[in-house]
Every structure is written in structure tokens, then in C-alpha cells.
Amino acid sequence: MAQPGFIRNFSSEDVIPANRLVVVSAAADFHVALAVDASAMYAGVTEQGTDEHLRVDVVMTQSAPIEFGETLIAGTPIVADSEGKAVEFDPANFVGESTVYVAGWVMEDGEAGVIGDIFLAPQLIANIPSA
């Protein structure tokens, strides 16, 4: 069971579902957007999704429940898919990229669609060389 740490309320640019990765938005201070890839710094994981005023609580530290976008195994580093779901960070998919952000790692095994726990550890991986 996730034991979230720091939770902060943000404005969002659009509707964001619960249990999805979000990124720091360039729109304005204290704004987040749905993460759609690994190209921006992750702010964390949404708790309940946006409300009618486009406000959203985001778990920013420790662990958080997230929807898996594919089958994942405990210990796997993750990034966001196009829907903000957790998918495996595979360096082979980012060869030649100069900036890739990783959100953290999976704490339990699960299949696509499962709400599982991740440990939030946002980090930048730069200059992934070719094999």
C-alpha cells in the first residue's frame, strides 16, 4: 500500500485522471499537465484526478499508486506513456536522446490496467549513447 509523502494541490491545463503521472507545466507557476512521454520533469502522480475547477492533488514524494500501462515487474524504472500511465524505461527506446526523465521505479509486479505502487524518484538521464 502506498504511503504518500508530500502532497501539493496544483492547477492543471486540462482534465487529468487519477493515478497518472504529471509534469511541471510551463503555462504558469504551480501548474501541471498530463505526462505523455519522458521529455519533461515529472511533478508526481495524481491522487483523485482534477476537480471541476481543474485543481488536482499531486503526490510528489515517497510512494504513490499509479495505473500500469503494461506488465511491470518490481524494481523496473518507469516513464509515462501517452496517457500518463507507468511503462518501463528501456534505454534502447531512447538511443540518441539528449534529455530523458525517469519518474521512479515499480514497487510491485502488475499487469496493464492494475493500480500498483511506485517509488517516486524523478531524475534526468542525459545523452543516451547508441549501442
C-alpha atoms as a PDB file:
ATOM      1  CA  MET A   1       0.000   0.000   0.000  1.00  0.00           C
ATOM      2  CA  ALA A   2       1.360   3.391  -0.991  1.00  0.00           C
ATOM      3  CA  GLN A   3       2.408   5.742   1.769  1.00  0.00           C
ATOM      4  CA  PRO A   4       2.452   9.093   0.051  1.00  0.00           C
ATOM      5  CA  GLY A   5       4.712  11.786   1.319  1.00  0.00           C
ATOM      6  CA  PHE A   6       4.364  15.400   0.295  1.00  0.00           C
ATOM      7  CA  ILE A   7       1.077  16.171  -1.487  1.00  0.00           C
ATOM      8  CA  ARG A   8       0.547  19.533  -3.168  1.00  0.00           C
ATOM      9  CA  ASN A   9      -2.504  20.974  -4.910  1.00  0.00           C
ATOM     10  CA  PHE A  10      -1.906  22.389  -8.399  1.00  0.00           C
ATOM     11  CA  SER A  11      -3.876  23.941 -11.230  1.00  0.00           C
ATOM     12  CA  SER A  12      -3.956  21.842 -14.354  1.00  0.00           C
ATOM     13  CA  GLU A  13      -4.149  22.784 -18.002  1.00  0.00           C
ATOM     14  CA  ASP A  14      -6.844  20.194 -18.705  1.00  0.00           C
ATOM     15  CA  VAL A  15      -8.701  17.274 -17.128  1.00  0.00           C
ATOM     16  CA  ILE A  16      -6.290  14.687 -15.700  1.00  0.00           C
ATOM     17  CA  PRO A  17      -7.463  11.258 -14.477  1.00  0.00           C
ATOM     18  CA  ALA A  18      -6.494   9.761 -11.106  1.00  0.00           C
ATOM     19  CA  ASN A  19      -3.319   7.694 -10.730  1.00  0.00           C
ATOM     20  CA  ARG A  20      -1.446   9.290 -13.634  1.00  0.00           C
ATOM     21  CA  LEU A  21       1.962  10.873 -13.976  1.00  0.00           C
ATOM     22  CA  VAL A  22       2.015  14.635 -14.379  1.00  0.00           C
ATOM     23  CA  VAL A  23       4.765  17.022 -15.411  1.00  0.00           C
ATOM     24  CA  VAL A  24       5.721  20.530 -14.419  1.00  0.00           C
ATOM     25  CA  SER A  25       3.890  22.855 -16.797  1.00  0.00           C
ATOM     26  CA  ALA A  26       5.393  25.878 -18.478  1.00  0.00           C
ATOM     27  CA  ALA A  27       1.928  27.505 -18.618  1.00  0.00           C
ATOM     28  CA  ALA A  28       2.217  29.216 -15.226  1.00  0.00           C
ATOM     29  CA  ASP A  29       3.599  28.757 -11.741  1.00  0.00           C
ATOM     30  CA  PHE A  30       2.092  25.839  -9.810  1.00  0.00           C
ATOM     31  CA  HIS A  31       0.552  24.255 -12.920  1.00  0.00           C
ATOM     32  CA  VAL A  32       0.841  20.635 -14.020  1.00  0.00           C
ATOM     33  CA  ALA A  33      -0.062  18.779 -17.198  1.00  0.00           C
ATOM     34  CA  LEU A  34      -0.628  15.133 -18.017  1.00  0.00           C
ATOM     35  CA  ALA A  35       2.687  13.417 -18.742  1.00  0.00           C
ATOM     36  CA  VAL A  36       2.646  11.986 -22.272  1.00  0.00           C
ATOM     37  CA  ASP A  37       6.266  10.831 -22.609  1.00  0.00           C
ATOM     38  CA  ALA A  38       9.676  11.156 -20.943  1.00  0.00           C
ATOM     39  CA  SER A  39      10.565  14.637 -22.227  1.00  0.00           C
ATOM     40  CA  ALA A  40       9.658  16.792 -19.205  1.00  0.00           C
ATOM     41  CA  MET A  41      10.358  16.768 -15.468  1.00  0.00           C
ATOM     42  CA  TYR A  42       7.772  14.767 -13.542  1.00  0.00           C
ATOM     43  CA  ALA A  43       5.928  16.585 -10.751  1.00  0.00           C
ATOM     44  CA  GLY A  44       4.437  13.363  -9.365  1.00  0.00           C
ATOM     45  CA  VAL A  45       1.267  11.260  -9.527  1.00  0.00           C
ATOM     46  CA  THR A  46      -2.342  12.462  -9.301  1.00  0.00           C
ATOM     47  CA  GLU A  47      -4.457  11.203  -6.412  1.00  0.00           C
ATOM     48  CA  GLN A  48      -8.090  11.669  -7.423  1.00  0.00           C
ATOM     49  CA  GLY A  49      -7.761  13.495 -10.737  1.00  0.00           C
ATOM     50  CA  THR A  50      -8.878  17.035 -11.461  1.00  0.00           C
ATOM     51  CA  ASP A  51     -11.982  18.573  -9.935  1.00  0.00           C
ATOM     52  CA  GLU A  52     -14.496  20.844 -11.671  1.00  0.00           C
ATOM     53  CA  HIS A  53     -12.104  23.801 -11.222  1.00  0.00           C
ATOM     54  CA  LEU A  54      -9.156  21.938 -12.808  1.00  0.00           C
ATOM     55  CA  ARG A  55      -7.397  21.614  -9.449  1.00  0.00           C
ATOM     56  CA  VAL A  56      -5.539  18.389  -8.684  1.00  0.00           C
ATOM     57  CA  ASP A  57      -3.682  16.887  -5.728  1.00  0.00           C
ATOM     58  CA  VAL A  58      -0.283  15.503  -6.704  1.00  0.00           C
ATOM     59  CA  VAL A  59       1.801  13.073  -4.648  1.00  0.00           C
ATOM     60  CA  MET A  60       5.313  14.463  -5.077  1.00  0.00           C
ATOM     61  CA  THR A  61       7.468  12.265  -2.812  1.00  0.00           C
ATOM     62  CA  GLN A  62       7.803   8.734  -1.495  1.00  0.00           C
ATOM     63  CA  SER A  63       5.313   6.231  -2.965  1.00  0.00           C
ATOM     64  CA  ALA A  64       2.135   6.631  -4.987  1.00  0.00           C
ATOM     65  CA  PRO A  65      -0.474   4.399  -6.623  1.00  0.00           C
ATOM     66  CA  ILE A  66      -0.411   4.601 -10.414  1.00  0.00           C
ATOM     67  CA  GLU A  67      -2.084   2.830 -13.311  1.00  0.00           C
ATOM     68  CA  PHE A  68       0.268   0.491 -15.165  1.00  0.00           C
ATOM     69  CA  GLY A  69       0.282   0.901 -18.946  1.00  0.00           C
ATOM     70  CA  GLU A  70       1.869  -2.524 -19.458  1.00  0.00           C
ATOM     71  CA  THR A  71       3.025  -5.518 -17.413  1.00  0.00           C
ATOM     72  CA  LEU A  72       5.695  -4.326 -14.988  1.00  0.00           C
ATOM     73  CA  ILE A  73       7.999  -6.123 -12.549  1.00  0.00           C
ATOM     74  CA  ALA A  74       9.081  -4.763  -9.167  1.00  0.00           C
ATOM     75  CA  GLY A  75      12.281  -2.740  -9.450  1.00  0.00           C
ATOM     76  CA  THR A  76      11.644  -1.604 -13.036  1.00  0.00           C
ATOM     77  CA  PRO A  77      12.354   2.095 -13.695  1.00  0.00           C
ATOM     78  CA  ILE A  78       9.365   3.835 -15.276  1.00  0.00           C
ATOM     79  CA  VAL A  79       8.381   6.681 -17.575  1.00  0.00           C
ATOM     80  CA  ALA A  80       4.962   7.859 -18.798  1.00  0.00           C
ATOM     81  CA  ASP A  81       3.149   6.532 -21.840  1.00  0.00           C
ATOM     82  CA  SER A  82       0.903   8.808 -23.940  1.00  0.00           C
ATOM     83  CA  GLU A  83      -1.868   8.543 -21.305  1.00  0.00           C
ATOM     84  CA  GLY A  84       0.295   9.235 -18.231  1.00  0.00           C
ATOM     85  CA  LYS A  85       0.375   5.552 -17.242  1.00  0.00           C
ATOM     86  CA  ALA A  86       3.557   3.873 -15.987  1.00  0.00           C
ATOM     87  CA  VAL A  87       5.608   1.960 -18.559  1.00  0.00           C
ATOM     88  CA  GLU A  88       9.143   0.558 -18.435  1.00  0.00           C
ATOM     89  CA  PHE A  89      12.070   2.858 -19.090  1.00  0.00           C
ATOM     90  CA  ASP A  90      14.052   0.953 -21.703  1.00  0.00           C
ATOM     91  CA  PRO A  91      17.203   2.864 -22.754  1.00  0.00           C
ATOM     92  CA  ALA A  92      17.015   1.178 -26.182  1.00  0.00           C
ATOM     93  CA  ASN A  93      13.871   3.235 -26.889  1.00  0.00           C
ATOM     94  CA  PHE A  94      15.749   6.490 -26.280  1.00  0.00           C
ATOM     95  CA  VAL A  95      19.026   5.998 -28.159  1.00  0.00           C
ATOM     96  CA  GLY A  96      20.492   9.338 -29.188  1.00  0.00           C
ATOM     97  CA  GLU A  97      18.143  11.350 -26.952  1.00  0.00           C
ATOM     98  CA  SER A  98      19.817  14.168 -25.063  1.00  0.00           C
ATOM     99  CA  THR A  99      17.190  14.512 -22.337  1.00  0.00           C
ATOM    100  CA  VAL A 100      15.085  11.726 -20.809  1.00  0.00           C
ATOM    101  CA  TYR A 101      13.263  11.953 -17.484  1.00  0.00           C
ATOM    102  CA  VAL A 102      12.561   8.869 -15.361  1.00  0.00           C
ATOM    103  CA  ALA A 103       9.762   9.090 -12.779  1.00  0.00           C
ATOM    104  CA  GLY A 104      10.855   6.358 -10.370  1.00  0.00           C
ATOM    105  CA  TRP A 105      10.569   2.595 -10.036  1.00  0.00           C
ATOM    106  CA  VAL A 106       7.861  -0.017  -9.556  1.00  0.00           C
ATOM    107  CA  MET A 107       7.401  -1.482  -6.065  1.00  0.00           C
ATOM    108  CA  GLU A 108       5.241  -4.468  -7.090  1.00  0.00           C
ATOM    109  CA  ASP A 109       4.506  -6.692 -10.069  1.00  0.00           C
ATOM    110  CA  GLY A 110       1.353  -5.984 -12.082  1.00  0.00           C
ATOM    111  CA  GLU A 111      -0.295  -6.179 -15.480  1.00  0.00           C
ATOM    112  CA  ALA A 112      -1.605  -3.369 -17.678  1.00  0.00           C
ATOM    113  CA  GLY A 113      -4.561  -1.633 -16.039  1.00  0.00           C
ATOM    114  CA  VAL A 114      -3.533  -2.537 -12.478  1.00  0.00           C
ATOM    115  CA  ILE A 115      -3.183   0.272  -9.954  1.00  0.00           C
ATOM    116  CA  GLY A 116       0.199  -0.500  -8.396  1.00  0.00           C
ATOM    117  CA  ASP A 117       2.668   1.340  -6.225  1.00  0.00           C
ATOM    118  CA  ILE A 118       5.749   3.147  -7.455  1.00  0.00           C
ATOM    119  CA  PHE A 119       8.504   4.885  -5.570  1.00  0.00           C
ATOM    120  CA  LEU A 120       8.818   8.441  -6.845  1.00  0.00           C
ATOM    121  CA  ALA A 121      12.425   9.275  -7.682  1.00  0.00           C
ATOM    122  CA  PRO A 122      12.351  11.791 -10.561  1.00  0.00           C
ATOM    123  CA  GLN A 123      15.669  12.051 -12.335  1.00  0.00           C
ATOM    124  CA  LEU A 124      17.235  13.230 -15.555  1.00  0.00           C
ATOM    125  CA  ILE A 125      19.129  10.824 -17.772  1.00  0.00           C
ATOM    126  CA  ALA A 126      21.102  12.680 -20.425  1.00  0.00           C
ATOM    127  CA  ASN A 127      22.855  11.647 -23.614  1.00  0.00           C
ATOM    128  CA  ILE A 128      21.917   8.020 -24.064  1.00  0.00           C
ATOM    129  CA  PRO A 129      24.604   6.665 -26.402  1.00  0.00           C
ATOM    130  CA  SER A 130      23.956   4.288 -29.256  1.00  0.00           C
ATOM    131  CA  ALA A 131      24.697   0.643 -28.570  1.00  0.00           C
END
